[in-house]
N, C-alpha and C. Protein backbone atom coordinates (compact mmCIF):
# COMPACT_ATOMS: atom_id res chain seq x y z
N UNK A 1 85.91 79.06 83.19
CA UNK A 1 85.83 79.86 81.98
C UNK A 1 85.89 78.94 80.77
N UNK A 2 85.07 79.24 79.80
CA UNK A 2 85.01 78.36 78.66
C UNK A 2 85.26 79.08 77.33
N UNK A 3 85.64 80.35 77.37
CA UNK A 3 85.87 81.08 76.12
C UNK A 3 87.01 80.44 75.36
N UNK A 4 86.85 80.21 74.07
CA UNK A 4 87.80 79.45 73.27
C UNK A 4 89.01 80.23 72.76
N UNK A 5 88.83 81.44 72.30
CA UNK A 5 89.89 82.18 71.62
C UNK A 5 90.73 82.97 72.62
N UNK A 6 91.51 82.26 73.41
CA UNK A 6 92.34 82.88 74.44
C UNK A 6 93.30 83.91 73.88
N UNK A 7 93.84 83.66 72.70
CA UNK A 7 94.84 84.57 72.13
C UNK A 7 94.26 85.94 71.81
N UNK A 8 92.95 86.06 71.70
CA UNK A 8 92.31 87.34 71.39
C UNK A 8 91.88 88.09 72.65
N UNK A 9 92.11 87.51 73.81
CA UNK A 9 91.68 88.12 75.07
C UNK A 9 92.71 89.12 75.58
N UNK A 10 92.26 89.97 76.49
CA UNK A 10 93.15 90.92 77.15
C UNK A 10 92.67 91.11 78.59
N UNK A 11 93.48 91.81 79.34
CA UNK A 11 93.18 92.09 80.74
C UNK A 11 93.05 93.60 80.91
N UNK A 12 91.98 94.04 81.57
CA UNK A 12 91.79 95.45 81.91
C UNK A 12 91.75 95.60 83.41
N UNK A 13 92.62 96.43 83.94
CA UNK A 13 92.65 96.73 85.38
C UNK A 13 92.11 98.15 85.53
N UNK A 14 91.09 98.29 86.38
CA UNK A 14 90.47 99.59 86.63
C UNK A 14 90.83 100.05 88.03
N UNK A 15 91.67 101.08 88.11
CA UNK A 15 92.14 101.57 89.40
C UNK A 15 91.01 102.17 90.23
N UNK A 16 90.09 102.87 89.59
CA UNK A 16 89.01 103.54 90.31
C UNK A 16 88.11 102.60 91.07
N UNK A 17 87.75 101.47 90.44
CA UNK A 17 86.86 100.54 91.14
C UNK A 17 87.56 99.28 91.60
N UNK A 18 88.90 99.25 91.48
CA UNK A 18 89.70 98.13 92.01
C UNK A 18 89.23 96.79 91.48
N UNK A 19 89.10 96.71 90.13
CA UNK A 19 88.72 95.45 89.51
C UNK A 19 89.68 95.12 88.38
N UNK A 20 89.73 93.84 88.07
CA UNK A 20 90.46 93.32 86.91
C UNK A 20 89.46 92.52 86.11
N UNK A 21 89.40 92.79 84.81
CA UNK A 21 88.47 92.07 83.93
C UNK A 21 89.26 91.37 82.84
N UNK A 22 88.91 90.12 82.61
CA UNK A 22 89.39 89.38 81.45
C UNK A 22 88.35 89.61 80.37
N UNK A 23 88.77 90.18 79.24
CA UNK A 23 87.81 90.56 78.20
C UNK A 23 88.13 89.88 76.87
N UNK A 24 87.08 89.65 76.08
CA UNK A 24 87.27 89.05 74.76
C UNK A 24 87.56 90.15 73.75
N UNK A 25 87.74 89.76 72.48
CA UNK A 25 88.16 90.72 71.45
C UNK A 25 87.13 91.80 71.18
N UNK A 26 85.87 91.57 71.53
CA UNK A 26 84.84 92.60 71.32
C UNK A 26 84.63 93.46 72.56
N UNK A 27 85.42 93.21 73.61
CA UNK A 27 85.30 93.98 74.84
C UNK A 27 84.34 93.38 75.84
N UNK A 28 83.76 92.22 75.53
CA UNK A 28 82.86 91.55 76.47
C UNK A 28 83.63 90.95 77.63
N UNK A 29 83.08 91.06 78.81
CA UNK A 29 83.74 90.57 80.01
C UNK A 29 83.52 89.07 80.15
N UNK A 30 84.63 88.33 80.22
CA UNK A 30 84.58 86.88 80.44
C UNK A 30 84.56 86.61 81.94
N UNK A 31 85.42 87.31 82.68
CA UNK A 31 85.47 87.20 84.15
C UNK A 31 85.89 88.55 84.72
N UNK A 32 85.41 88.82 85.92
CA UNK A 32 85.79 90.05 86.63
C UNK A 32 86.18 89.68 88.05
N UNK A 33 87.25 90.31 88.53
CA UNK A 33 87.78 90.01 89.87
C UNK A 33 87.99 91.31 90.64
N UNK A 34 87.79 91.24 91.93
CA UNK A 34 88.16 92.34 92.81
C UNK A 34 89.66 92.25 93.08
N UNK A 35 90.35 93.40 93.03
CA UNK A 35 91.79 93.43 93.23
C UNK A 35 92.17 94.53 94.21
N UNK A 36 93.46 94.62 94.50
CA UNK A 36 94.00 95.71 95.31
C UNK A 36 95.22 96.25 94.59
N UNK A 37 95.17 97.53 94.21
CA UNK A 37 96.30 98.18 93.56
C UNK A 37 96.99 99.09 94.59
N UNK A 38 97.82 100.00 94.14
CA UNK A 38 98.71 100.75 95.04
C UNK A 38 98.01 101.73 95.98
N UNK A 39 98.41 101.65 97.23
CA UNK A 39 97.99 102.61 98.25
C UNK A 39 98.36 104.03 97.81
N UNK A 40 99.50 104.18 97.13
CA UNK A 40 99.97 105.49 96.70
C UNK A 40 99.32 105.98 95.41
N UNK A 41 98.37 105.21 94.88
CA UNK A 41 97.64 105.63 93.68
C UNK A 41 98.35 105.26 92.40
N UNK A 42 97.99 105.97 91.35
CA UNK A 42 98.54 105.70 90.02
C UNK A 42 99.79 106.52 89.79
N UNK A 43 100.77 105.92 89.11
CA UNK A 43 101.99 106.64 88.77
C UNK A 43 103.04 105.69 88.23
N UNK A 44 103.97 106.25 87.51
CA UNK A 44 104.94 105.43 86.79
C UNK A 44 106.37 105.54 87.31
N UNK A 45 106.67 106.50 88.17
CA UNK A 45 108.05 106.75 88.61
C UNK A 45 108.61 105.60 89.44
N UNK A 46 109.88 105.26 89.17
CA UNK A 46 110.60 104.30 90.02
C UNK A 46 110.54 104.77 91.46
N UNK A 47 110.34 103.84 92.37
CA UNK A 47 110.35 104.15 93.79
C UNK A 47 109.10 104.84 94.31
N UNK A 48 108.10 105.03 93.46
CA UNK A 48 106.90 105.77 93.86
C UNK A 48 105.92 104.93 94.67
N UNK A 49 106.00 103.60 94.52
CA UNK A 49 105.01 102.74 95.15
C UNK A 49 103.64 102.86 94.51
N UNK A 50 103.60 103.37 93.29
CA UNK A 50 102.34 103.56 92.55
C UNK A 50 102.15 102.46 91.52
N UNK A 51 100.91 102.27 91.11
CA UNK A 51 100.59 101.34 90.04
C UNK A 51 100.68 102.07 88.71
N UNK A 52 101.48 101.55 87.77
CA UNK A 52 101.65 102.23 86.49
C UNK A 52 100.45 102.08 85.57
N UNK A 53 100.12 103.16 84.89
CA UNK A 53 98.99 103.17 83.96
C UNK A 53 99.44 102.88 82.54
N UNK A 54 98.47 102.61 81.70
CA UNK A 54 98.72 102.48 80.28
C UNK A 54 98.71 101.05 79.77
N UNK A 55 99.27 100.90 78.58
CA UNK A 55 99.27 99.61 77.90
C UNK A 55 100.51 98.81 78.27
N UNK A 56 100.27 97.56 78.63
CA UNK A 56 101.31 96.63 79.04
C UNK A 56 101.06 95.28 78.37
N UNK A 57 101.96 94.35 78.62
CA UNK A 57 101.72 92.95 78.25
C UNK A 57 102.35 92.06 79.31
N UNK A 58 101.90 90.81 79.35
CA UNK A 58 102.49 89.84 80.28
C UNK A 58 103.81 89.39 79.69
N UNK A 59 104.89 89.72 80.36
CA UNK A 59 106.24 89.37 79.87
C UNK A 59 106.65 87.98 80.34
N UNK A 60 106.25 87.63 81.57
CA UNK A 60 106.63 86.32 82.13
C UNK A 60 105.53 85.84 83.06
N UNK A 61 105.39 84.52 83.11
CA UNK A 61 104.40 83.87 83.98
C UNK A 61 105.17 82.89 84.87
N UNK A 62 105.01 83.06 86.17
CA UNK A 62 105.82 82.31 87.13
C UNK A 62 104.90 81.61 88.14
N UNK A 63 105.18 80.32 88.38
CA UNK A 63 104.47 79.59 89.41
C UNK A 63 103.55 78.49 88.91
N UNK A 64 103.57 78.21 87.64
CA UNK A 64 102.69 77.17 87.08
C UNK A 64 102.85 75.86 87.86
N UNK A 65 101.72 75.30 88.28
CA UNK A 65 101.71 74.00 88.94
C UNK A 65 102.07 74.00 90.41
N UNK A 66 102.49 75.14 90.94
CA UNK A 66 102.82 75.19 92.37
C UNK A 66 101.54 75.31 93.20
N UNK A 67 101.60 74.87 94.45
CA UNK A 67 100.40 74.94 95.29
C UNK A 67 99.99 76.38 95.59
N UNK A 68 98.71 76.57 95.85
CA UNK A 68 98.22 77.85 96.32
C UNK A 68 98.96 78.23 97.60
N UNK A 69 99.23 79.50 97.75
CA UNK A 69 99.94 80.06 98.91
C UNK A 69 101.45 79.81 98.89
N UNK A 70 101.99 79.34 97.75
CA UNK A 70 103.44 79.27 97.61
C UNK A 70 104.00 80.69 97.77
N UNK A 71 105.06 80.84 98.56
CA UNK A 71 105.67 82.14 98.82
C UNK A 71 106.81 82.36 97.81
N UNK A 72 106.84 83.56 97.23
CA UNK A 72 107.90 83.94 96.30
C UNK A 72 108.71 85.10 96.88
N UNK A 73 110.01 85.06 96.61
CA UNK A 73 110.92 86.18 96.85
C UNK A 73 111.77 86.30 95.61
N UNK A 74 111.86 87.51 95.07
CA UNK A 74 112.61 87.75 93.84
C UNK A 74 112.18 86.78 92.74
N UNK A 75 110.87 86.53 92.67
CA UNK A 75 110.26 85.69 91.64
C UNK A 75 110.64 84.22 91.73
N UNK A 76 111.16 83.80 92.84
CA UNK A 76 111.52 82.40 93.04
C UNK A 76 110.77 81.86 94.26
N UNK A 77 110.27 80.63 94.16
CA UNK A 77 109.61 80.05 95.33
C UNK A 77 110.62 79.85 96.45
N UNK A 78 110.22 80.22 97.66
CA UNK A 78 111.14 80.13 98.81
C UNK A 78 111.12 78.75 99.46
N UNK A 79 110.15 77.92 99.09
CA UNK A 79 109.96 76.65 99.78
C UNK A 79 108.95 76.77 100.91
N UNK A 80 108.50 77.99 101.18
CA UNK A 80 107.51 78.23 102.23
C UNK A 80 106.11 78.20 101.63
N UNK A 81 105.15 77.87 102.47
CA UNK A 81 103.74 77.99 102.13
C UNK A 81 103.14 78.95 103.16
N UNK A 82 102.48 79.98 102.67
CA UNK A 82 101.93 81.00 103.56
C UNK A 82 100.98 80.39 104.59
N UNK A 83 101.12 80.85 105.83
CA UNK A 83 100.24 80.43 106.93
C UNK A 83 100.15 81.59 107.92
N UNK A 84 99.19 81.50 108.82
CA UNK A 84 99.06 82.52 109.86
C UNK A 84 100.33 82.60 110.71
N UNK A 85 100.93 81.45 110.98
CA UNK A 85 102.15 81.41 111.80
C UNK A 85 103.31 82.10 111.07
N UNK A 86 103.45 81.81 109.78
CA UNK A 86 104.51 82.45 108.99
C UNK A 86 104.29 83.95 108.94
N UNK A 87 103.06 84.37 108.77
CA UNK A 87 102.73 85.80 108.74
C UNK A 87 103.06 86.46 110.07
N UNK A 88 102.74 85.79 111.18
CA UNK A 88 103.00 86.35 112.51
C UNK A 88 104.50 86.53 112.75
N UNK A 89 105.30 85.63 112.19
CA UNK A 89 106.74 85.72 112.41
C UNK A 89 107.42 86.68 111.41
N UNK A 90 106.68 87.18 110.43
CA UNK A 90 107.20 88.12 109.42
C UNK A 90 106.18 89.24 109.18
N UNK A 91 105.91 90.05 110.20
CA UNK A 91 104.79 91.00 110.11
C UNK A 91 104.93 92.09 109.05
N UNK A 92 106.14 92.41 108.63
CA UNK A 92 106.33 93.50 107.67
C UNK A 92 106.58 93.02 106.24
N UNK A 93 106.45 91.74 106.01
CA UNK A 93 106.74 91.19 104.69
C UNK A 93 105.61 91.49 103.71
N UNK A 94 105.97 91.88 102.48
CA UNK A 94 105.00 92.10 101.41
C UNK A 94 104.85 90.76 100.69
N UNK A 95 103.77 90.05 100.95
CA UNK A 95 103.59 88.68 100.49
C UNK A 95 103.24 88.61 99.01
N UNK A 96 104.06 87.90 98.26
CA UNK A 96 103.79 87.60 96.86
C UNK A 96 103.59 86.09 96.81
N UNK A 97 102.36 85.69 96.52
CA UNK A 97 101.96 84.29 96.66
C UNK A 97 101.40 83.71 95.35
N UNK A 98 101.50 82.39 95.26
CA UNK A 98 100.75 81.53 94.34
C UNK A 98 101.16 81.61 92.87
N UNK A 99 101.00 82.77 92.24
CA UNK A 99 101.34 82.96 90.83
C UNK A 99 101.81 84.40 90.63
N UNK A 100 102.65 84.59 89.61
CA UNK A 100 103.13 85.93 89.23
C UNK A 100 102.94 86.10 87.73
N UNK A 101 102.27 87.17 87.35
CA UNK A 101 102.20 87.61 85.96
C UNK A 101 103.00 88.92 85.91
N UNK A 102 104.22 88.84 85.38
CA UNK A 102 105.14 89.98 85.38
C UNK A 102 104.84 90.86 84.18
N UNK A 103 104.57 92.14 84.43
CA UNK A 103 104.14 93.05 83.38
C UNK A 103 105.30 93.85 82.79
N UNK A 104 105.14 94.20 81.52
CA UNK A 104 106.10 95.03 80.81
C UNK A 104 105.32 96.14 80.10
N UNK A 105 105.77 97.38 80.26
CA UNK A 105 105.11 98.50 79.61
C UNK A 105 105.35 98.51 78.11
N UNK A 106 104.40 99.07 77.39
CA UNK A 106 104.48 99.17 75.93
C UNK A 106 104.64 100.60 75.44
N UNK A 107 104.57 101.58 76.34
CA UNK A 107 104.53 102.98 75.92
C UNK A 107 105.81 103.70 76.34
N UNK A 108 106.72 103.86 75.37
CA UNK A 108 107.97 104.56 75.65
C UNK A 108 107.69 105.96 76.17
N UNK A 109 108.40 106.32 77.23
CA UNK A 109 108.21 107.63 77.84
C UNK A 109 107.06 107.70 78.82
N UNK A 110 106.26 106.64 78.88
CA UNK A 110 105.13 106.61 79.83
C UNK A 110 105.31 105.50 80.85
N UNK A 111 105.46 104.26 80.39
CA UNK A 111 105.65 103.12 81.31
C UNK A 111 106.79 102.21 80.85
N UNK A 112 107.60 102.74 79.94
CA UNK A 112 108.74 101.99 79.43
C UNK A 112 109.89 102.97 79.20
N UNK A 113 111.03 102.67 79.80
CA UNK A 113 112.20 103.52 79.65
C UNK A 113 112.75 103.94 81.00
N UNK A 114 113.86 104.67 80.98
CA UNK A 114 114.54 105.04 82.23
C UNK A 114 113.65 105.79 83.21
N UNK A 115 113.66 105.31 84.45
CA UNK A 115 112.93 105.97 85.53
C UNK A 115 111.45 105.69 85.60
N UNK A 116 110.90 105.00 84.60
CA UNK A 116 109.44 104.77 84.56
C UNK A 116 109.09 103.37 84.07
N UNK A 117 110.04 102.46 84.04
CA UNK A 117 109.87 101.18 83.38
C UNK A 117 109.13 100.16 84.26
N UNK A 118 107.93 99.78 83.83
CA UNK A 118 107.10 98.83 84.57
C UNK A 118 107.84 97.52 84.83
N UNK A 119 108.51 96.99 83.83
CA UNK A 119 109.22 95.72 83.98
C UNK A 119 110.36 95.84 84.98
N UNK A 120 111.14 96.87 84.89
CA UNK A 120 112.26 97.07 85.82
C UNK A 120 111.80 97.45 87.22
N UNK A 121 110.57 97.91 87.34
CA UNK A 121 109.99 98.20 88.66
C UNK A 121 109.43 96.93 89.31
N UNK A 122 109.45 95.82 88.58
CA UNK A 122 108.94 94.54 89.09
C UNK A 122 107.46 94.65 89.46
N UNK A 123 106.67 95.12 88.52
CA UNK A 123 105.23 95.24 88.71
C UNK A 123 104.58 93.95 88.22
N UNK A 124 103.82 93.32 89.11
CA UNK A 124 103.17 92.04 88.82
C UNK A 124 101.68 92.10 89.10
N UNK A 125 100.98 91.13 88.54
CA UNK A 125 99.68 90.69 89.04
C UNK A 125 100.02 89.44 89.82
N UNK A 126 99.66 89.38 91.10
CA UNK A 126 100.07 88.24 91.93
C UNK A 126 99.07 87.96 93.03
N UNK A 127 99.20 86.77 93.61
CA UNK A 127 98.37 86.39 94.74
C UNK A 127 98.85 87.06 96.02
N UNK A 128 97.94 87.16 96.97
CA UNK A 128 98.22 87.77 98.26
C UNK A 128 97.45 86.99 99.32
N UNK A 129 97.79 87.13 100.59
CA UNK A 129 97.04 86.39 101.61
C UNK A 129 95.54 86.66 101.51
N UNK A 130 94.76 85.62 101.69
CA UNK A 130 93.31 85.76 101.58
C UNK A 130 92.72 86.63 102.69
N UNK A 131 93.53 86.96 103.69
CA UNK A 131 93.08 87.86 104.75
C UNK A 131 93.18 89.33 104.33
N UNK A 132 93.92 89.59 103.25
CA UNK A 132 94.06 90.97 102.77
C UNK A 132 92.79 91.40 102.06
N UNK A 133 92.34 92.63 102.32
CA UNK A 133 91.11 93.09 101.67
C UNK A 133 91.30 93.34 100.18
N UNK A 134 90.29 93.01 99.41
CA UNK A 134 90.24 93.35 97.99
C UNK A 134 89.28 94.53 97.84
N UNK A 135 89.41 95.24 96.75
CA UNK A 135 88.55 96.40 96.52
C UNK A 135 89.07 97.67 97.18
N UNK A 136 90.22 97.57 97.85
CA UNK A 136 90.87 98.72 98.48
C UNK A 136 92.29 98.83 97.96
N UNK A 137 92.73 100.03 97.66
CA UNK A 137 94.09 100.25 97.17
C UNK A 137 95.05 100.20 98.36
N UNK A 138 95.81 99.08 98.47
CA UNK A 138 96.70 98.89 99.61
C UNK A 138 98.08 98.33 99.24
N UNK A 139 98.31 98.04 97.95
CA UNK A 139 99.56 97.39 97.57
C UNK A 139 100.72 98.39 97.50
N UNK A 140 101.89 97.87 97.18
CA UNK A 140 103.09 98.68 97.01
C UNK A 140 103.32 99.04 95.54
N UNK A 141 102.33 98.79 94.68
CA UNK A 141 102.43 99.10 93.26
C UNK A 141 101.88 98.01 92.37
N UNK A 142 101.95 96.77 92.85
CA UNK A 142 101.45 95.64 92.07
C UNK A 142 99.93 95.56 92.12
N UNK A 143 99.40 94.61 91.35
CA UNK A 143 97.97 94.31 91.37
C UNK A 143 97.83 93.00 92.14
N UNK A 144 97.26 93.08 93.32
CA UNK A 144 97.07 91.90 94.17
C UNK A 144 95.71 91.27 93.90
N UNK A 145 95.69 89.92 93.96
CA UNK A 145 94.46 89.17 93.76
C UNK A 145 94.33 88.07 94.80
N UNK A 146 93.12 87.61 95.02
CA UNK A 146 92.89 86.40 95.82
C UNK A 146 93.61 85.24 95.13
N UNK A 147 94.10 84.29 95.91
CA UNK A 147 94.87 83.17 95.37
C UNK A 147 94.07 82.34 94.37
N UNK A 148 92.83 82.00 94.69
CA UNK A 148 92.01 81.22 93.76
C UNK A 148 91.78 81.98 92.46
N UNK A 149 91.61 83.30 92.56
CA UNK A 149 91.39 84.13 91.37
C UNK A 149 92.63 84.21 90.50
N UNK A 150 93.81 84.38 91.12
CA UNK A 150 95.03 84.49 90.31
C UNK A 150 95.37 83.15 89.65
N UNK A 151 95.03 82.04 90.29
CA UNK A 151 95.22 80.73 89.65
C UNK A 151 94.31 80.62 88.43
N UNK A 152 93.05 81.01 88.58
CA UNK A 152 92.12 80.95 87.45
C UNK A 152 92.59 81.84 86.30
N UNK A 153 93.00 83.06 86.62
CA UNK A 153 93.48 83.98 85.59
C UNK A 153 94.76 83.45 84.94
N UNK A 154 95.69 82.96 85.74
CA UNK A 154 96.96 82.43 85.25
C UNK A 154 96.73 81.29 84.27
N UNK A 155 95.80 80.40 84.61
CA UNK A 155 95.53 79.25 83.76
C UNK A 155 94.91 79.66 82.42
N UNK A 156 94.36 80.84 82.36
CA UNK A 156 93.74 81.35 81.15
C UNK A 156 94.68 82.27 80.35
N UNK A 157 95.58 82.92 81.07
CA UNK A 157 96.47 83.92 80.46
C UNK A 157 97.58 83.27 79.65
N UNK A 158 98.33 84.10 78.94
CA UNK A 158 99.50 83.63 78.20
C UNK A 158 100.51 84.77 78.10
N UNK A 159 101.78 84.40 77.97
CA UNK A 159 102.81 85.42 77.76
C UNK A 159 102.45 86.19 76.50
N UNK A 160 102.61 87.51 76.59
CA UNK A 160 102.25 88.38 75.47
C UNK A 160 100.85 88.94 75.55
N UNK A 161 100.03 88.44 76.47
CA UNK A 161 98.64 88.92 76.58
C UNK A 161 98.64 90.40 76.94
N UNK A 162 97.84 91.22 76.22
CA UNK A 162 97.75 92.63 76.53
C UNK A 162 97.08 92.90 77.89
N UNK A 163 97.61 93.88 78.59
CA UNK A 163 97.08 94.32 79.88
C UNK A 163 97.01 95.85 79.84
N UNK A 164 95.84 96.40 80.10
CA UNK A 164 95.69 97.84 80.19
C UNK A 164 95.33 98.20 81.63
N UNK A 165 96.04 99.18 82.15
CA UNK A 165 95.76 99.68 83.51
C UNK A 165 95.29 101.11 83.36
N UNK A 166 94.06 101.36 83.81
CA UNK A 166 93.47 102.70 83.67
C UNK A 166 92.90 103.19 84.98
């Protein structure tokens, strides 16, 4: 990506077509990625397993400089690197890999506040095993991306960047 004015960019996540677009200030698409959002659909309630809608921003960026397939638990690298063997020995684990863009809601009463808070629900844009399908809603609420794609997006993104989920 070569667009210069990074501070004017935003991220649009489209639940219907399972895509994430990096857009410039005029709405032009700089890059588009296939993603996987929540199996349970759209929704803001704590414990729903849904992807929250509305206006958000990137509150924290985690994983800069770490290798692709770095495994995270509670937003901290575990020291593991994802592999088929690791996956086989942990079949029920929800893999958060490579990079984390932690989202915070901007709309009080919709995605910010008691019982509906995106940040307190730990909703991220993050990497997932490359064996996981993209373009299908299968996550537990987060926005999953291919590892190479989340690295590219992470390197372009910045804390405070607007994110809209529709």
